Amino acid sequence: MRQLRWITPERLARERSTSERADLAEFLRVSQLGVLVYAEGPSLTVLVGVGVGAARRPYTYPQVTQLMELASIMESALERAHFSAKVQRTEQLATVGLVGASLAHEIRNPLVSIKTFVQLLPTHHQDPAFREKFFRLIGSEVDRIDQLTEQLLDLSAPRAYAAVEVALHEVMRSSLELVTAKAADKQVAFSADFSARPDTVFTDPAAAKQVMLNLCFNAIQAVDAHRGEECWVRVATRNVDGGVEMSVSDSGPGIAPEMRDRLFQPFQTTKSTGFGLGLAICRDILANLHASISVDPPVAGKGATFRVTYPCQVSLS
């Protein structure tokens, strides 16, 4: 097929017969196809076949040409979708890498506590109070490490998102553990103000975590790259009409006016690394969950503020 590009039973019948062409003719007969065309791209190959018409008339060359153009369009569309999926996965894994760096700091603390108690155990094992405290601490610290690694695995696993009723503050608090160490490592003050009452929304908890992590890491990177007199990132919630709004603000340089209109489009970035897909992915995830994301108009010297609004009622659409 790579050599022929297209075949019909009539073409195979009138041209020189080979074993490969005989196999193709048999394939057309068994599949009841009147024409089969081939389109090849950098990483994908597309075969498009059309059945024998009701009148059983042979396909003309203009019809074959149109079908080849259609196959080429399909191949290009599939190629773009394939590339977009690969880049989205790469962007997600980059976020996982940043989370992994935070986890290294978070896991070190319980490990130090466990190591200290293990070193003291030989000289204090006869002390009932020490043994009780030791067993209680070991259990709680191991559970903490287990929870942190579960969050990393949950973020790294590709999945389809589905909206359910969740307490947004609980989801956010579990994600904040992964951000505070990164902020401390970059000497960026991090604070949270959960003012929304109630905080029940309809969203996917894993999606909410990924969006929050992406926005927080972006903010920390922006502040660290353009350090001023103040270096801070703040996360807050409030009740708005029909939903709960989560905002992520920072003391960084803000969004350039010329970037604001295309900020949520793919491949738009001012950073030297990454594909510029993080915000576009956040927008697509939130749109599928009937949530929204926006950025405040730029104000000189005021940093940037991103706002995510989650619905309080399940969508019927």
C-alpha atoms as a PDB file:
ATOM      1  CA  MET A   1       0.000   0.000   0.000  1.00  0.00           C
ATOM      2  CA  ARG A   2       2.898   2.388   0.642  1.00  0.00           C
ATOM      3  CA  GLN A   3       3.953   2.003  -2.995  1.00  0.00           C
ATOM      4  CA  LEU A   4       0.503   1.940  -4.586  1.00  0.00           C
ATOM      5  CA  ARG A   5      -1.089   4.697  -2.386  1.00  0.00           C
ATOM      6  CA  TRP A   6      -4.563   3.556  -3.495  1.00  0.00           C
ATOM      7  CA  ILE A   7      -6.192   0.420  -4.864  1.00  0.00           C
ATOM      8  CA  THR A   8      -9.496  -0.681  -6.363  1.00  0.00           C
ATOM      9  CA  PRO A   9     -10.428  -4.170  -7.576  1.00  0.00           C
ATOM     10  CA  GLU A  10     -10.337  -2.848 -11.152  1.00  0.00           C
ATOM     11  CA  ARG A  11      -6.818  -1.434 -10.795  1.00  0.00           C
ATOM     12  CA  LEU A  12      -5.466  -4.650  -9.307  1.00  0.00           C
ATOM     13  CA  ALA A  13      -7.122  -6.664 -12.102  1.00  0.00           C
ATOM     14  CA  ARG A  14      -5.567  -4.685 -14.953  1.00  0.00           C
ATOM     15  CA  GLU A  15      -2.047  -4.239 -13.567  1.00  0.00           C
ATOM     16  CA  ARG A  16       0.725  -6.805 -13.267  1.00  0.00           C
ATOM     17  CA  SER A  17      -0.174  -9.449 -10.708  1.00  0.00           C
ATOM     18  CA  THR A  18       2.056 -10.284  -7.753  1.00  0.00           C
ATOM     19  CA  SER A  19       1.470 -12.285  -4.594  1.00  0.00           C
ATOM     20  CA  GLU A  20       1.191  -9.059  -2.566  1.00  0.00           C
ATOM     21  CA  ARG A  21      -1.397  -7.604  -4.955  1.00  0.00           C
ATOM     22  CA  ALA A  22      -3.300 -10.874  -4.896  1.00  0.00           C
ATOM     23  CA  ASP A  23      -3.449 -10.586  -1.098  1.00  0.00           C
ATOM     24  CA  LEU A  24      -4.740  -7.023  -1.405  1.00  0.00           C
ATOM     25  CA  ALA A  25      -7.384  -8.104  -3.928  1.00  0.00           C
ATOM     26  CA  GLU A  26      -8.514 -10.845  -1.556  1.00  0.00           C
ATOM     27  CA  PHE A  27      -8.663  -8.328   1.303  1.00  0.00           C
ATOM     28  CA  LEU A  28     -10.911  -6.034  -0.760  1.00  0.00           C
ATOM     29  CA  ARG A  29     -13.168  -8.961  -1.689  1.00  0.00           C
ATOM     30  CA  VAL A  30     -13.515 -10.264   1.868  1.00  0.00           C
ATOM     31  CA  SER A  31     -14.023  -6.760   3.302  1.00  0.00           C
ATOM     32  CA  GLN A  32     -16.426  -5.825   0.471  1.00  0.00           C
ATOM     33  CA  LEU A  33     -14.466  -2.640  -0.263  1.00  0.00           C
ATOM     34  CA  GLY A  34     -14.589  -0.789  -3.551  1.00  0.00           C
ATOM     35  CA  VAL A  35     -11.549   1.394  -2.825  1.00  0.00           C
ATOM     36  CA  LEU A  36      -8.773   1.630  -0.224  1.00  0.00           C
ATOM     37  CA  VAL A  37      -6.409   4.616   0.101  1.00  0.00           C
ATOM     38  CA  TYR A  38      -3.230   5.124   2.133  1.00  0.00           C
ATOM     39  CA  ALA A  39      -1.937   8.246   3.930  1.00  0.00           C
ATOM     40  CA  GLU A  40       1.295   8.338   5.923  1.00  0.00           C
ATOM     41  CA  GLY A  41       2.537  10.985   8.343  1.00  0.00           C
ATOM     42  CA  PRO A  42       5.615  11.349  10.551  1.00  0.00           C
ATOM     43  CA  SER A  43       4.298   8.925  13.179  1.00  0.00           C
ATOM     44  CA  LEU A  44       0.854   7.718  12.038  1.00  0.00           C
ATOM     45  CA  THR A  45      -0.462   5.791   9.058  1.00  0.00           C
ATOM     46  CA  VAL A  46      -4.098   6.007   7.967  1.00  0.00           C
ATOM     47  CA  LEU A  47      -5.986   3.557   5.767  1.00  0.00           C
ATOM     48  CA  VAL A  48      -9.425   4.632   4.549  1.00  0.00           C
ATOM     49  CA  GLY A  49     -11.691   2.175   2.775  1.00  0.00           C
ATOM     50  CA  VAL A  50     -15.127   2.640   1.215  1.00  0.00           C
ATOM     51  CA  GLY A  51     -17.516  -0.194   0.521  1.00  0.00           C
ATOM     52  CA  VAL A  52     -18.845  -1.226  -2.868  1.00  0.00           C
ATOM     53  CA  GLY A  53     -21.705   1.043  -3.944  1.00  0.00           C
ATOM     54  CA  ALA A  54     -25.251  -0.169  -4.367  1.00  0.00           C
ATOM     55  CA  ALA A  55     -24.928   0.176  -8.150  1.00  0.00           C
ATOM     56  CA  ARG A  56     -21.614  -1.742  -7.983  1.00  0.00           C
ATOM     57  CA  ARG A  57     -19.993   0.795 -10.276  1.00  0.00           C
ATOM     58  CA  PRO A  58     -16.188   1.127 -10.115  1.00  0.00           C
ATOM     59  CA  TYR A  59     -14.851   4.202  -8.366  1.00  0.00           C
ATOM     60  CA  THR A  60     -13.512   6.839 -10.749  1.00  0.00           C
ATOM     61  CA  TYR A  61     -10.094   8.436 -10.352  1.00  0.00           C
ATOM     62  CA  PRO A  62     -11.560  11.841  -9.317  1.00  0.00           C
ATOM     63  CA  GLN A  63     -13.461  10.031  -6.558  1.00  0.00           C
ATOM     64  CA  VAL A  64     -10.276   8.258  -5.502  1.00  0.00           C
ATOM     65  CA  THR A  65      -8.431  11.591  -5.456  1.00  0.00           C
ATOM     66  CA  GLN A  66     -11.080  13.112  -3.185  1.00  0.00           C
ATOM     67  CA  LEU A  67     -10.823  10.132  -0.859  1.00  0.00           C
ATOM     68  CA  MET A  68      -7.039  10.489  -0.740  1.00  0.00           C
ATOM     69  CA  GLU A  69      -7.420  14.157   0.211  1.00  0.00           C
ATOM     70  CA  LEU A  70      -9.851  13.139   2.963  1.00  0.00           C
ATOM     71  CA  ALA A  71      -7.397  10.508   4.229  1.00  0.00           C
ATOM     72  CA  SER A  72      -4.633  13.137   4.312  1.00  0.00           C
ATOM     73  CA  ILE A  73      -6.864  15.481   6.343  1.00  0.00           C
ATOM     74  CA  MET A  74      -7.714  12.659   8.751  1.00  0.00           C
ATOM     75  CA  GLU A  75      -4.045  11.777   9.130  1.00  0.00           C
ATOM     76  CA  SER A  76      -3.132  15.403   9.900  1.00  0.00           C
ATOM     77  CA  ALA A  77      -5.931  15.716  12.465  1.00  0.00           C
ATOM     78  CA  LEU A  78      -4.946  12.463  14.171  1.00  0.00           C
ATOM     79  CA  GLU A  79      -1.278  13.511  14.100  1.00  0.00           C
ATOM     80  CA  ARG A  80      -2.105  16.794  15.868  1.00  0.00           C
ATOM     81  CA  ALA A  81      -4.255  15.000  18.445  1.00  0.00           C
ATOM     82  CA  HIS A  82      -1.498  12.429  19.016  1.00  0.00           C
ATOM     83  CA  PHE A  83       1.129  15.160  19.430  1.00  0.00           C
ATOM     84  CA  SER A  84      -1.105  17.186  21.753  1.00  0.00           C
ATOM     85  CA  ALA A  85      -1.715  14.143  23.966  1.00  0.00           C
ATOM     86  CA  LYS A  86       2.032  13.407  24.161  1.00  0.00           C
ATOM     87  CA  VAL A  87       2.901  17.011  25.048  1.00  0.00           C
ATOM     88  CA  GLN A  88       0.085  17.192  27.611  1.00  0.00           C
ATOM     89  CA  ARG A  89       1.458  14.050  29.230  1.00  0.00           C
ATOM     90  CA  THR A  90       4.963  15.561  29.232  1.00  0.00           C
ATOM     91  CA  GLU A  91       3.639  18.742  30.863  1.00  0.00           C
ATOM     92  CA  GLN A  92       1.833  16.660  33.487  1.00  0.00           C
ATOM     93  CA  LEU A  93       5.000  14.684  34.233  1.00  0.00           C
ATOM     94  CA  ALA A  94       6.929  17.961  34.577  1.00  0.00           C
ATOM     95  CA  THR A  95       4.447  18.975  37.282  1.00  0.00           C
ATOM     96  CA  VAL A  96       4.934  15.575  38.896  1.00  0.00           C
ATOM     97  CA  GLY A  97       8.682  16.257  38.923  1.00  0.00           C
ATOM     98  CA  LEU A  98       8.153  19.511  40.806  1.00  0.00           C
ATOM     99  CA  VAL A  99       5.846  17.735  43.240  1.00  0.00           C
ATOM    100  CA  GLY A 100       8.483  15.040  43.672  1.00  0.00           C
ATOM    101  CA  ALA A 101      11.010  17.687  44.736  1.00  0.00           C
ATOM    102  CA  SER A 102       8.531  18.944  47.325  1.00  0.00           C
ATOM    103  CA  LEU A 103       7.882  15.395  48.489  1.00  0.00           C
ATOM    104  CA  ALA A 104      11.597  14.900  49.116  1.00  0.00           C
ATOM    105  CA  HIS A 105      11.445  17.715  51.667  1.00  0.00           C
ATOM    106  CA  GLU A 106       8.155  16.550  53.150  1.00  0.00           C
ATOM    107  CA  ILE A 107       9.258  12.915  53.539  1.00  0.00           C
ATOM    108  CA  ARG A 108      12.579  13.883  55.094  1.00  0.00           C
ATOM    109  CA  ASN A 109      10.894  15.245  58.243  1.00  0.00           C
ATOM    110  CA  PRO A 110       9.076  12.039  59.281  1.00  0.00           C
ATOM    111  CA  LEU A 111      12.146   9.985  58.330  1.00  0.00           C
ATOM    112  CA  VAL A 112      14.315  12.088  60.660  1.00  0.00           C
ATOM    113  CA  SER A 113      11.823  11.521  63.486  1.00  0.00           C
ATOM    114  CA  ILE A 114      11.751   7.776  62.830  1.00  0.00           C
ATOM    115  CA  LYS A 115      15.576   7.618  62.642  1.00  0.00           C
ATOM    116  CA  THR A 116      15.938   9.521  65.922  1.00  0.00           C
ATOM    117  CA  PHE A 117      13.576   7.188  67.787  1.00  0.00           C
ATOM    118  CA  VAL A 118      15.275   4.103  66.335  1.00  0.00           C
ATOM    119  CA  GLN A 119      18.666   5.366  67.557  1.00  0.00           C
ATOM    120  CA  LEU A 120      17.232   5.968  71.045  1.00  0.00           C
ATOM    121  CA  LEU A 121      15.394   2.647  71.215  1.00  0.00           C
ATOM    122  CA  PRO A 122      18.345   0.471  72.453  1.00  0.00           C
ATOM    123  CA  THR A 123      18.802   2.632  75.559  1.00  0.00           C
ATOM    124  CA  HIS A 124      15.112   3.395  76.207  1.00  0.00           C
ATOM    125  CA  HIS A 125      13.316   0.185  75.262  1.00  0.00           C
ATOM    126  CA  GLN A 126      12.581  -0.589  78.929  1.00  0.00           C
ATOM    127  CA  ASP A 127      10.688   2.694  79.350  1.00  0.00           C
ATOM    128  CA  PRO A 128       6.920   2.036  78.788  1.00  0.00           C
ATOM    129  CA  ALA A 129       6.203   5.706  78.052  1.00  0.00           C
ATOM    130  CA  PHE A 130       8.976   5.800  75.457  1.00  0.00           C
ATOM    131  CA  ARG A 131       7.749   2.588  73.808  1.00  0.00           C
ATOM    132  CA  GLU A 132       4.184   3.910  73.641  1.00  0.00           C
ATOM    133  CA  LYS A 133       5.336   7.194  72.151  1.00  0.00           C
ATOM    134  CA  PHE A 134       7.639   5.337  69.742  1.00  0.00           C
ATOM    135  CA  PHE A 135       4.914   3.053  68.393  1.00  0.00           C
ATOM    136  CA  ARG A 136       2.446   5.938  68.094  1.00  0.00           C
ATOM    137  CA  LEU A 137       4.939   8.135  66.242  1.00  0.00           C
ATOM    138  CA  ILE A 138       6.095   5.374  63.883  1.00  0.00           C
ATOM    139  CA  GLY A 139       2.510   4.632  62.884  1.00  0.00           C
ATOM    140  CA  SER A 140       1.545   8.263  62.282  1.00  0.00           C
ATOM    141  CA  GLU A 141       4.746   9.140  60.386  1.00  0.00           C
ATOM    142  CA  VAL A 142       4.511   6.078  58.140  1.00  0.00           C
ATOM    143  CA  ASP A 143       0.877   6.975  57.402  1.00  0.00           C
ATOM    144  CA  ARG A 144       1.996  10.492  56.499  1.00  0.00           C
ATOM    145  CA  ILE A 145       4.621   9.194  54.060  1.00  0.00           C
ATOM    146  CA  ASP A 146       2.054   6.833  52.573  1.00  0.00           C
ATOM    147  CA  GLN A 147      -0.433   9.678  52.048  1.00  0.00           C
ATOM    148  CA  LEU A 148       2.186  11.848  50.354  1.00  0.00           C
ATOM    149  CA  THR A 149       3.240   9.106  47.934  1.00  0.00           C
ATOM    150  CA  GLU A 150      -0.407   8.295  47.174  1.00  0.00           C
ATOM    151  CA  GLN A 151      -0.952  11.923  46.183  1.00  0.00           C
ATOM    152  CA  LEU A 152       2.040  11.779  43.835  1.00  0.00           C
ATOM    153  CA  LEU A 153       0.792   8.547  42.221  1.00  0.00           C
ATOM    154  CA  ASP A 154      -2.703   9.979  41.868  1.00  0.00           C
ATOM    155  CA  LEU A 155      -1.339  13.033  40.069  1.00  0.00           C
ATOM    156  CA  SER A 156       0.955  11.066  37.740  1.00  0.00           C
ATOM    157  CA  ALA A 157      -1.686   8.559  36.597  1.00  0.00           C
ATOM    158  CA  PRO A 158      -3.564   9.592  33.436  1.00  0.00           C
ATOM    159  CA  ARG A 159      -7.320   9.489  34.004  1.00  0.00           C
ATOM    160  CA  ALA A 160     -10.693  10.735  32.884  1.00  0.00           C
ATOM    161  CA  TYR A 161     -12.181  13.364  35.176  1.00  0.00           C
ATOM    162  CA  ALA A 162     -15.730  13.204  36.528  1.00  0.00           C
ATOM    163  CA  ALA A 163     -17.466  15.781  38.721  1.00  0.00           C
ATOM    164  CA  VAL A 164     -18.655  14.674  42.160  1.00  0.00           C
ATOM    165  CA  GLU A 165     -19.703  16.537  45.291  1.00  0.00           C
ATOM    166  CA  VAL A 166     -16.593  17.416  47.302  1.00  0.00           C
ATOM    167  CA  ALA A 167     -15.508  19.750  50.084  1.00  0.00           C
ATOM    168  CA  LEU A 168     -13.115  22.055  48.233  1.00  0.00           C
ATOM    169  CA  HIS A 169     -11.178  23.125  51.328  1.00  0.00           C
ATOM    170  CA  GLU A 170     -10.358  19.512  52.218  1.00  0.00           C
ATOM    171  CA  VAL A 171      -9.036  18.892  48.702  1.00  0.00           C
ATOM    172  CA  MET A 172      -7.004  22.094  48.791  1.00  0.00           C
ATOM    173  CA  ARG A 173      -5.474  21.367  52.212  1.00  0.00           C
ATOM    174  CA  SER A 174      -4.241  17.982  51.014  1.00  0.00           C
ATOM    175  CA  SER A 175      -2.607  19.706  48.032  1.00  0.00           C
ATOM    176  CA  LEU A 176      -1.062  22.506  50.097  1.00  0.00           C
ATOM    177  CA  GLU A 177       1.239  20.007  51.775  1.00  0.00           C
ATOM    178  CA  LEU A 178       2.946  19.513  48.423  1.00  0.00           C
ATOM    179  CA  VAL A 179       3.427  23.255  47.845  1.00  0.00           C
ATOM    180  CA  THR A 180       4.659  24.631  51.173  1.00  0.00           C
ATOM    181  CA  ALA A 181       8.012  22.841  51.004  1.00  0.00           C
ATOM    182  CA  LYS A 182       8.627  24.148  47.475  1.00  0.00           C
ATOM    183  CA  ALA A 183       7.800  27.694  48.581  1.00  0.00           C
ATOM    184  CA  ALA A 184      10.070  27.388  51.631  1.00  0.00           C
ATOM    185  CA  ASP A 185      12.906  26.052  49.468  1.00  0.00           C
ATOM    186  CA  LYS A 186      12.617  29.144  47.227  1.00  0.00           C
ATOM    187  CA  GLN A 187      12.222  31.441  50.264  1.00  0.00           C
ATOM    188  CA  VAL A 188       8.735  32.479  49.164  1.00  0.00           C
ATOM    189  CA  ALA A 189       6.153  33.210  51.878  1.00  0.00           C
ATOM    190  CA  PHE A 190       3.059  31.061  51.374  1.00  0.00           C
ATOM    191  CA  SER A 191      -0.349  31.652  52.969  1.00  0.00           C
ATOM    192  CA  ALA A 192      -3.910  30.385  52.634  1.00  0.00           C
ATOM    193  CA  ASP A 193      -7.227  32.051  53.463  1.00  0.00           C
ATOM    194  CA  PHE A 194     -10.215  29.711  53.136  1.00  0.00           C
ATOM    195  CA  SER A 195     -13.171  32.051  53.623  1.00  0.00           C
ATOM    196  CA  ALA A 196     -15.838  30.274  51.547  1.00  0.00           C
ATOM    197  CA  ARG A 197     -18.774  29.016  53.651  1.00  0.00           C
ATOM    198  CA  PRO A 198     -20.053  26.580  52.526  1.00  0.00           C
ATOM    199  CA  ASP A 199     -17.262  25.116  50.411  1.00  0.00           C
ATOM    200  CA  THR A 200     -19.163  22.225  48.759  1.00  0.00           C
ATOM    201  CA  VAL A 201     -18.655  22.138  44.976  1.00  0.00           C
ATOM    202  CA  PHE A 202     -19.096  19.698  42.099  1.00  0.00           C
ATOM    203  CA  THR A 203     -15.728  18.828  40.584  1.00  0.00           C
ATOM    204  CA  ASP A 204     -13.160  16.064  40.328  1.00  0.00           C
ATOM    205  CA  PRO A 205     -10.810  16.065  43.366  1.00  0.00           C
ATOM    206  CA  ALA A 206      -7.777  14.965  41.302  1.00  0.00           C
ATOM    207  CA  ALA A 207      -8.485  17.666  38.718  1.00  0.00           C
ATOM    208  CA  ALA A 208      -8.801  20.326  41.431  1.00  0.00           C
ATOM    209  CA  LYS A 209      -5.452  19.201  42.859  1.00  0.00           C
ATOM    210  CA  GLN A 210      -3.721  19.319  39.477  1.00  0.00           C
ATOM    211  CA  VAL A 211      -5.090  22.788  38.687  1.00  0.00           C
ATOM    212  CA  MET A 212      -4.133  24.162  42.095  1.00  0.00           C
ATOM    213  CA  LEU A 213      -0.639  22.657  41.948  1.00  0.00           C
ATOM    214  CA  ASN A 214      -0.076  24.064  38.474  1.00  0.00           C
ATOM    215  CA  LEU A 215      -1.157  27.582  39.473  1.00  0.00           C
ATOM    216  CA  CYS A 216       0.827  27.523  42.729  1.00  0.00           C
ATOM    217  CA  PHE A 217       4.027  26.262  41.105  1.00  0.00           C
ATOM    218  CA  ASN A 218       3.669  28.843  38.328  1.00  0.00           C
ATOM    219  CA  ALA A 219       3.295  31.562  40.961  1.00  0.00           C
ATOM    220  CA  ILE A 220       6.325  30.377  42.961  1.00  0.00           C
ATOM    221  CA  GLN A 221       8.435  30.246  39.797  1.00  0.00           C
ATOM    222  CA  ALA A 222       7.324  33.748  38.777  1.00  0.00           C
ATOM    223  CA  VAL A 223       8.175  35.202  42.189  1.00  0.00           C
ATOM    224  CA  ASP A 224      11.516  33.390  42.362  1.00  0.00           C
ATOM    225  CA  ALA A 225      12.535  34.495  38.857  1.00  0.00           C
ATOM    226  CA  HIS A 226      11.738  38.182  39.528  1.00  0.00           C
ATOM    227  CA  ARG A 227      12.474  38.697  43.210  1.00  0.00           C
ATOM    228  CA  GLY A 228      11.457  42.033  44.709  1.00  0.00           C
ATOM    229  CA  GLU A 229      11.108  43.489  48.173  1.00  0.00           C
ATOM    230  CA  GLU A 230       8.186  41.124  48.845  1.00  0.00           C
ATOM    231  CA  CYS A 231       8.130  37.460  47.828  1.00  0.00           C
ATOM    232  CA  TRP A 232       4.815  35.813  48.533  1.00  0.00           C
ATOM    233  CA  VAL A 233       2.103  33.550  47.108  1.00  0.00           C
ATOM    234  CA  ARG A 234      -1.411  33.470  48.532  1.00  0.00           C
ATOM    235  CA  VAL A 235      -4.301  31.024  47.972  1.00  0.00           C
ATOM    236  CA  ALA A 236      -7.827  32.046  48.956  1.00  0.00           C
ATOM    237  CA  THR A 237     -11.457  31.019  48.515  1.00  0.00           C
ATOM    238  CA  ARG A 238     -14.702  32.956  48.610  1.00  0.00           C
ATOM    239  CA  ASN A 239     -18.343  32.380  47.731  1.00  0.00           C
ATOM    240  CA  VAL A 240     -19.544  33.822  44.428  1.00  0.00           C
ATOM    241  CA  ASP A 241     -22.841  33.628  42.567  1.00  0.00           C
ATOM    242  CA  GLY A 242     -23.510  29.935  41.888  1.00  0.00           C
ATOM    243  CA  GLY A 243     -20.103  28.677  42.966  1.00  0.00           C
ATOM    244  CA  VAL A 244     -16.930  28.871  45.003  1.00  0.00           C
ATOM    245  CA  GLU A 245     -13.952  30.821  43.706  1.00  0.00           C
ATOM    246  CA  MET A 246     -10.367  29.777  44.352  1.00  0.00           C
ATOM    247  CA  SER A 247      -7.747  32.455  43.681  1.00  0.00           C
ATOM    248  CA  VAL A 248      -3.949  32.188  43.491  1.00  0.00           C
ATOM    249  CA  SER A 249      -2.118  35.523  43.802  1.00  0.00           C
ATOM    250  CA  ASP A 250       1.572  36.350  43.819  1.00  0.00           C
ATOM    251  CA  SER A 251       3.987  39.275  44.170  1.00  0.00           C
ATOM    252  CA  GLY A 252       5.713  38.508  40.870  1.00  0.00           C
ATOM    253  CA  PRO A 253       6.010  40.689  37.774  1.00  0.00           C
ATOM    254  CA  GLY A 254       2.432  40.027  36.655  1.00  0.00           C
ATOM    255  CA  ILE A 255       1.109  39.209  33.195  1.00  0.00           C
ATOM    256  CA  ALA A 256       2.292  41.350  30.295  1.00  0.00           C
ATOM    257  CA  PRO A 257      -0.699  43.043  28.592  1.00  0.00           C
ATOM    258  CA  GLU A 258       0.225  41.561  25.212  1.00  0.00           C
ATOM    259  CA  MET A 259       0.204  38.030  26.727  1.00  0.00           C
ATOM    260  CA  ARG A 260      -3.137  38.259  28.517  1.00  0.00           C
ATOM    261  CA  ASP A 261      -5.435  37.609  25.528  1.00  0.00           C
ATOM    262  CA  ARG A 262      -3.571  34.442  24.492  1.00  0.00           C
ATOM    263  CA  LEU A 263      -2.519  33.282  27.965  1.00  0.00           C
ATOM    264  CA  PHE A 264      -4.724  30.173  27.934  1.00  0.00           C
ATOM    265  CA  GLN A 265      -3.789  29.162  24.392  1.00  0.00           C
ATOM    266  CA  PRO A 266      -1.320  26.283  23.867  1.00  0.00           C
ATOM    267  CA  PHE A 267       2.411  27.001  23.531  1.00  0.00           C
ATOM    268  CA  GLN A 268       2.223  30.466  25.117  1.00  0.00           C
ATOM    269  CA  THR A 269       4.968  30.902  27.719  1.00  0.00           C
ATOM    270  CA  THR A 270       7.549  33.407  28.891  1.00  0.00           C
ATOM    271  CA  LYS A 271       9.607  30.728  30.695  1.00  0.00           C
ATOM    272  CA  SER A 272      12.769  29.230  29.239  1.00  0.00           C
ATOM    273  CA  THR A 273      11.573  25.691  29.942  1.00  0.00           C
ATOM    274  CA  GLY A 274       8.308  23.850  29.324  1.00  0.00           C
ATOM    275  CA  PHE A 275       5.869  23.794  26.436  1.00  0.00           C
ATOM    276  CA  GLY A 276       3.553  26.561  27.619  1.00  0.00           C
ATOM    277  CA  LEU A 277       0.667  24.101  27.940  1.00  0.00           C
ATOM    278  CA  GLY A 278       0.025  24.216  31.693  1.00  0.00           C
ATOM    279  CA  LEU A 279      -2.669  26.909  31.635  1.00  0.00           C
ATOM    280  CA  ALA A 280      -4.236  25.537  28.437  1.00  0.00           C
ATOM    281  CA  ILE A 281      -4.505  22.105  30.070  1.00  0.00           C
ATOM    282  CA  CYS A 282      -6.037  23.653  33.202  1.00  0.00           C
ATOM    283  CA  ARG A 283      -8.601  25.477  31.056  1.00  0.00           C
ATOM    284  CA  ASP A 284      -9.553  22.290  29.171  1.00  0.00           C
ATOM    285  CA  ILE A 285      -9.836  20.225  32.360  1.00  0.00           C
ATOM    286  CA  LEU A 286     -12.009  22.853  34.027  1.00  0.00           C
ATOM    287  CA  ALA A 287     -14.206  23.340  30.943  1.00  0.00           C
ATOM    288  CA  ASN A 288     -14.997  19.615  30.921  1.00  0.00           C
ATOM    289  CA  LEU A 289     -16.054  19.942  34.574  1.00  0.00           C
ATOM    290  CA  HIS A 290     -18.188  23.066  33.908  1.00  0.00           C
ATOM    291  CA  ALA A 291     -15.731  25.224  35.867  1.00  0.00           C
ATOM    292  CA  SER A 292     -13.849  28.272  34.604  1.00  0.00           C
ATOM    293  CA  ILE A 293     -10.476  29.973  34.941  1.00  0.00           C
ATOM    294  CA  SER A 294      -9.549  33.621  34.391  1.00  0.00           C
ATOM    295  CA  VAL A 295      -6.791  36.088  35.193  1.00  0.00           C
ATOM    296  CA  ASP A 296      -7.243  39.591  36.581  1.00  0.00           C
ATOM    297  CA  PRO A 297      -6.372  42.557  34.329  1.00  0.00           C
ATOM    298  CA  PRO A 298      -2.691  43.450  34.672  1.00  0.00           C
ATOM    299  CA  VAL A 299      -1.800  46.186  37.154  1.00  0.00           C
ATOM    300  CA  ALA A 300       1.774  47.482  37.239  1.00  0.00           C
ATOM    301  CA  GLY A 301       3.646  46.184  40.286  1.00  0.00           C
ATOM    302  CA  LYS A 302       0.706  44.109  41.546  1.00  0.00           C
ATOM    303  CA  GLY A 303       1.718  40.608  40.441  1.00  0.00           C
ATOM    304  CA  ALA A 304      -0.837  38.199  38.989  1.00  0.00           C
ATOM    305  CA  THR A 305      -4.096  36.740  40.270  1.00  0.00           C
ATOM    306  CA  PHE A 306      -5.730  33.674  38.717  1.00  0.00           C
ATOM    307  CA  ARG A 307      -9.309  32.791  39.627  1.00  0.00           C
ATOM    308  CA  VAL A 308     -10.944  29.367  39.283  1.00  0.00           C
ATOM    309  CA  THR A 309     -14.706  29.117  39.835  1.00  0.00           C
ATOM    310  CA  TYR A 310     -16.210  25.728  40.684  1.00  0.00           C
ATOM    311  CA  PRO A 311     -19.999  25.238  40.412  1.00  0.00           C
ATOM    312  CA  CYS A 312     -22.032  24.539  43.543  1.00  0.00           C
ATOM    313  CA  GLN A 313     -24.693  22.639  41.598  1.00  0.00           C
ATOM    314  CA  VAL A 314     -24.277  19.667  39.318  1.00  0.00           C
ATOM    315  CA  SER A 315     -24.562  20.564  35.625  1.00  0.00           C
ATOM    316  CA  LEU A 316     -27.365  18.906  33.667  1.00  0.00           C
ATOM    317  CA  SER A 317     -25.719  19.501  30.261  1.00  0.00           C
END
